[in-house]
N, C-alpha and C. Protein backbone atom coordinates (compact mmCIF):
# COMPACT_ATOMS: atom_id res chain seq x y z
N MET A 1 0.96 -1.14 -0.11
CA MET A 1 -0.02 0.06 0.06
C MET A 1 0.88 1.21 -0.06
N LYS A 2 0.53 2.22 -0.66
CA LYS A 2 1.28 3.49 -0.75
C LYS A 2 0.65 4.34 0.13
N THR A 3 1.40 5.41 0.87
CA THR A 3 0.80 6.13 1.68
C THR A 3 1.87 7.41 1.97
N THR A 4 1.31 8.50 2.29
CA THR A 4 2.29 9.74 2.44
C THR A 4 2.38 9.85 3.82
N LEU A 5 3.92 10.14 4.48
CA LEU A 5 4.21 10.30 5.80
C LEU A 5 4.87 11.80 5.83
N ASP A 6 4.44 12.41 6.91
CA ASP A 6 4.84 13.81 7.24
C ASP A 6 5.95 13.69 8.45
N ILE A 7 7.20 13.59 8.18
CA ILE A 7 8.07 13.37 9.39
C ILE A 7 9.00 14.61 9.33
N SER A 8 9.81 14.71 10.36
CA SER A 8 10.85 15.60 10.69
C SER A 8 11.91 15.30 9.64
N ASP A 9 12.47 16.35 9.18
CA ASP A 9 13.68 16.18 8.28
C ASP A 9 14.74 15.50 8.79
N GLN A 10 15.03 15.70 10.25
CA GLN A 10 16.12 14.93 10.90
C GLN A 10 15.94 13.63 10.92
N LEU A 11 14.62 13.18 11.21
CA LEU A 11 14.39 11.68 11.23
C LEU A 11 14.40 11.01 10.05
N PHE A 12 13.79 11.71 8.91
CA PHE A 12 13.92 11.09 7.66
C PHE A 12 15.59 10.93 7.24
N THR A 13 16.56 11.82 7.70
CA THR A 13 17.82 11.78 7.31
C THR A 13 18.38 10.55 8.09
N ASP A 14 17.93 10.48 9.31
CA ASP A 14 18.61 9.39 9.99
C ASP A 14 18.09 7.96 9.51
N ALA A 15 16.84 7.91 9.25
CA ALA A 15 16.32 6.71 8.63
C ALA A 15 16.88 6.30 7.47
N LYS A 16 17.00 7.29 6.68
CA LYS A 16 17.75 7.11 5.30
C LYS A 16 19.20 6.59 5.32
N ALA A 17 19.85 7.15 6.48
CA ALA A 17 21.42 6.59 6.60
C ALA A 17 21.32 5.17 7.27
N LEU A 18 20.31 4.86 8.22
CA LEU A 18 20.28 3.52 8.72
C LEU A 18 19.89 2.59 7.41
N ALA A 19 18.94 3.24 6.53
CA ALA A 19 18.58 2.26 5.52
C ALA A 19 19.96 1.95 4.52
N THR A 20 20.57 3.03 4.34
CA THR A 20 21.99 2.87 3.70
C THR A 20 22.99 1.81 4.36
N GLN A 21 23.13 2.17 5.56
CA GLN A 21 24.17 1.35 6.47
C GLN A 21 23.51 -0.14 6.40
N GLN A 22 22.18 -0.62 6.41
CA GLN A 22 21.99 -1.72 6.49
C GLN A 22 21.65 -2.32 5.06
N ARG A 23 21.99 -1.54 4.20
CA ARG A 23 21.70 -2.02 2.69
C ARG A 23 20.10 -2.41 2.39
N ALA A 24 19.39 -1.83 3.00
CA ALA A 24 18.01 -2.02 2.98
C ALA A 24 16.98 -0.72 2.48
N SER A 25 15.92 -1.00 2.16
CA SER A 25 15.20 0.10 1.59
C SER A 25 14.73 1.21 2.67
N LEU A 26 14.25 2.45 2.56
CA LEU A 26 13.74 3.11 3.46
C LEU A 26 12.42 2.50 3.90
N THR A 27 11.59 2.06 3.04
CA THR A 27 10.54 1.43 3.37
C THR A 27 10.62 0.33 4.31
N ARG A 28 11.67 -0.49 4.13
CA ARG A 28 11.89 -1.63 5.03
C ARG A 28 12.20 -1.25 6.41
N VAL A 29 13.13 -0.08 6.43
CA VAL A 29 13.40 0.34 7.73
C VAL A 29 12.18 1.05 8.49
N ILE A 30 11.33 1.71 7.70
CA ILE A 30 10.04 2.10 8.39
C ILE A 30 9.24 0.98 8.98
N GLU A 31 9.12 -0.08 8.11
CA GLU A 31 8.34 -1.29 8.41
C GLU A 31 8.68 -1.85 9.59
N GLN A 32 10.10 -2.10 9.79
CA GLN A 32 10.71 -2.68 10.94
C GLN A 32 10.49 -1.82 12.18
N GLY A 33 10.51 -0.46 11.81
CA GLY A 33 10.24 0.32 13.16
C GLY A 33 8.75 0.18 13.57
N ILE A 34 7.91 0.23 12.73
CA ILE A 34 6.59 0.03 13.13
C ILE A 34 6.31 -1.36 13.73
N GLN A 35 7.08 -2.35 13.11
CA GLN A 35 6.64 -3.74 13.74
C GLN A 35 7.43 -3.90 15.12
N LEU A 36 8.40 -3.35 15.54
CA LEU A 36 8.97 -3.26 16.73
C LEU A 36 8.02 -2.50 17.75
N ARG A 37 7.61 -1.40 17.43
CA ARG A 37 6.71 -0.59 18.06
C ARG A 37 5.50 -1.34 18.40
N LEU A 38 4.83 -1.92 17.52
CA LEU A 38 3.65 -2.83 17.68
C LEU A 38 3.79 -4.04 18.67
N ARG A 39 4.93 -4.82 18.55
CA ARG A 39 5.28 -5.71 19.48
C ARG A 39 5.56 -5.32 20.71
N SER A 40 6.15 -4.09 20.97
CA SER A 40 6.42 -3.60 22.27
C SER A 40 5.10 -3.13 23.18
N GLU A 41 4.02 -2.84 22.15
CA GLU A 41 2.82 -2.25 22.74
C GLU A 41 1.85 -3.80 22.93
N VAL A 42 2.11 -4.73 22.51
CA VAL A 42 1.21 -5.94 22.58
C VAL A 42 1.78 -6.84 23.47
N ALA A 43 3.16 -7.07 23.57
CA ALA A 43 3.85 -7.96 24.66
C ALA A 43 3.46 -8.05 25.88
N PRO A 44 3.40 -6.98 26.54
CA PRO A 44 2.95 -6.89 27.93
C PRO A 44 1.67 -7.56 28.30
N GLN A 45 0.78 -7.48 27.28
CA GLN A 45 -0.59 -8.05 27.52
C GLN A 45 -0.75 -9.38 27.23
N ARG A 46 0.27 -10.26 26.82
CA ARG A 46 0.35 -11.51 26.58
C ARG A 46 0.79 -12.25 27.86
N GLY A 47 1.89 -11.82 28.52
CA GLY A 47 2.37 -12.51 29.58
C GLY A 47 1.68 -12.05 30.77
N LYS A 48 1.82 -12.72 31.91
CA LYS A 48 1.38 -12.34 33.33
C LYS A 48 2.04 -11.22 33.75
N LEU A 49 1.45 -10.18 34.01
CA LEU A 49 1.93 -8.99 34.47
C LEU A 49 1.20 -8.53 35.93
N ARG A 50 2.21 -8.62 36.77
CA ARG A 50 1.77 -8.01 38.19
C ARG A 50 2.07 -6.58 38.51
N LEU A 51 0.99 -5.97 39.00
CA LEU A 51 1.14 -4.53 39.01
C LEU A 51 1.07 -4.54 40.58
N PRO A 52 2.07 -3.34 41.25
CA PRO A 52 1.97 -3.34 42.58
C PRO A 52 0.60 -2.74 42.94
N MET A 53 0.22 -3.40 44.34
CA MET A 53 -0.94 -2.67 44.79
C MET A 53 -0.65 -1.91 46.07
N LEU A 54 -1.22 -0.71 46.07
CA LEU A 54 -1.08 0.21 47.26
C LEU A 54 -1.99 -0.15 48.24
N LYS A 55 -1.78 -0.39 49.67
CA LYS A 55 -2.90 -0.74 50.59
C LYS A 55 -3.07 0.33 51.47
N GLY A 56 -3.11 1.56 50.99
CA GLY A 56 -3.42 2.76 51.62
C GLY A 56 -4.85 2.92 51.96
N ARG A 57 -5.13 3.87 52.78
CA ARG A 57 -6.43 4.43 52.97
C ARG A 57 -6.65 5.76 52.42
N GLY A 58 -7.91 6.09 52.28
CA GLY A 58 -8.13 7.62 51.88
C GLY A 58 -9.06 7.40 50.55
N GLY A 59 -8.84 8.21 49.69
CA GLY A 59 -9.71 8.50 48.63
C GLY A 59 -9.55 9.75 47.95
N LEU A 60 -10.67 10.05 47.23
CA LEU A 60 -10.84 11.25 46.54
C LEU A 60 -11.25 12.41 47.67
N VAL A 61 -10.80 13.67 47.47
CA VAL A 61 -11.14 14.62 48.23
C VAL A 61 -12.72 15.12 47.68
N ALA A 62 -13.50 15.25 48.82
CA ALA A 62 -14.94 15.60 48.42
C ALA A 62 -14.95 16.83 47.70
N GLY A 63 -15.89 16.54 46.68
CA GLY A 63 -16.07 17.62 45.54
C GLY A 63 -15.12 17.61 44.52
N VAL A 64 -14.19 16.89 44.44
CA VAL A 64 -13.29 16.83 43.09
C VAL A 64 -13.82 15.77 42.19
N ASP A 65 -14.15 16.38 40.95
CA ASP A 65 -14.47 15.49 39.85
C ASP A 65 -13.29 14.61 39.23
N SER A 66 -13.51 13.37 39.45
CA SER A 66 -12.44 12.48 39.19
C SER A 66 -12.42 12.37 37.55
N LEU A 67 -13.35 12.66 36.94
CA LEU A 67 -13.37 12.65 35.25
C LEU A 67 -12.76 13.80 34.77
N SER A 68 -12.28 14.78 35.52
CA SER A 68 -11.85 16.05 35.09
C SER A 68 -10.36 16.24 35.31
N ASN A 69 -9.49 16.02 34.24
CA ASN A 69 -8.05 16.35 34.38
C ASN A 69 -7.63 17.79 35.30
N LYS A 70 -8.54 18.69 34.76
CA LYS A 70 -8.25 19.84 35.19
C LYS A 70 -8.78 19.95 36.89
N ALA A 71 -9.56 19.25 37.26
CA ALA A 71 -10.14 19.43 38.58
C ALA A 71 -9.11 18.55 39.55
N MET A 72 -8.51 17.40 38.98
CA MET A 72 -7.66 16.67 39.76
C MET A 72 -6.43 17.47 39.65
N LEU A 73 -5.98 18.23 38.70
CA LEU A 73 -4.59 19.07 38.86
C LEU A 73 -4.92 20.20 39.74
N THR A 74 -6.17 20.59 39.75
CA THR A 74 -6.21 21.91 40.86
C THR A 74 -5.95 21.32 42.05
N ALA A 75 -6.92 20.19 42.28
CA ALA A 75 -6.60 19.67 43.71
C ALA A 75 -5.27 19.26 44.34
N LEU A 76 -4.35 19.15 43.30
CA LEU A 76 -3.09 18.62 43.53
C LEU A 76 -2.27 20.06 43.60
N GLY A 77 -2.79 21.05 43.23
CA GLY A 77 -2.00 22.53 43.22
C GLY A 77 -1.15 22.41 42.16
N ASP A 78 -1.39 21.73 41.03
CA ASP A 78 -0.46 21.82 39.92
C ASP A 78 -1.46 22.11 38.56
N ASP A 79 -2.19 23.06 38.76
CA ASP A 79 -3.07 23.64 37.54
C ASP A 79 -2.63 24.50 36.38
N THR A 80 -1.16 24.35 36.36
CA THR A 80 -0.65 25.28 35.47
C THR A 80 -0.65 24.57 34.08
């Protein structure tokens, strides 16, 4: 499939240099990059991943809308 990408000049230059170094096409380098990224996003979901659990008490401050990023940042005092 053909498509058009809008990437930075530096990224293009680096990718082109890598393709030349590996004696591969620019298309192949881009495909490999996308494949690596997709594998890294999917891989953790395949295995058993244990997340740390906090056993604290408390909760949200009364009156803070937990669905609003702005309200949460304001409650933290970081509303910049």
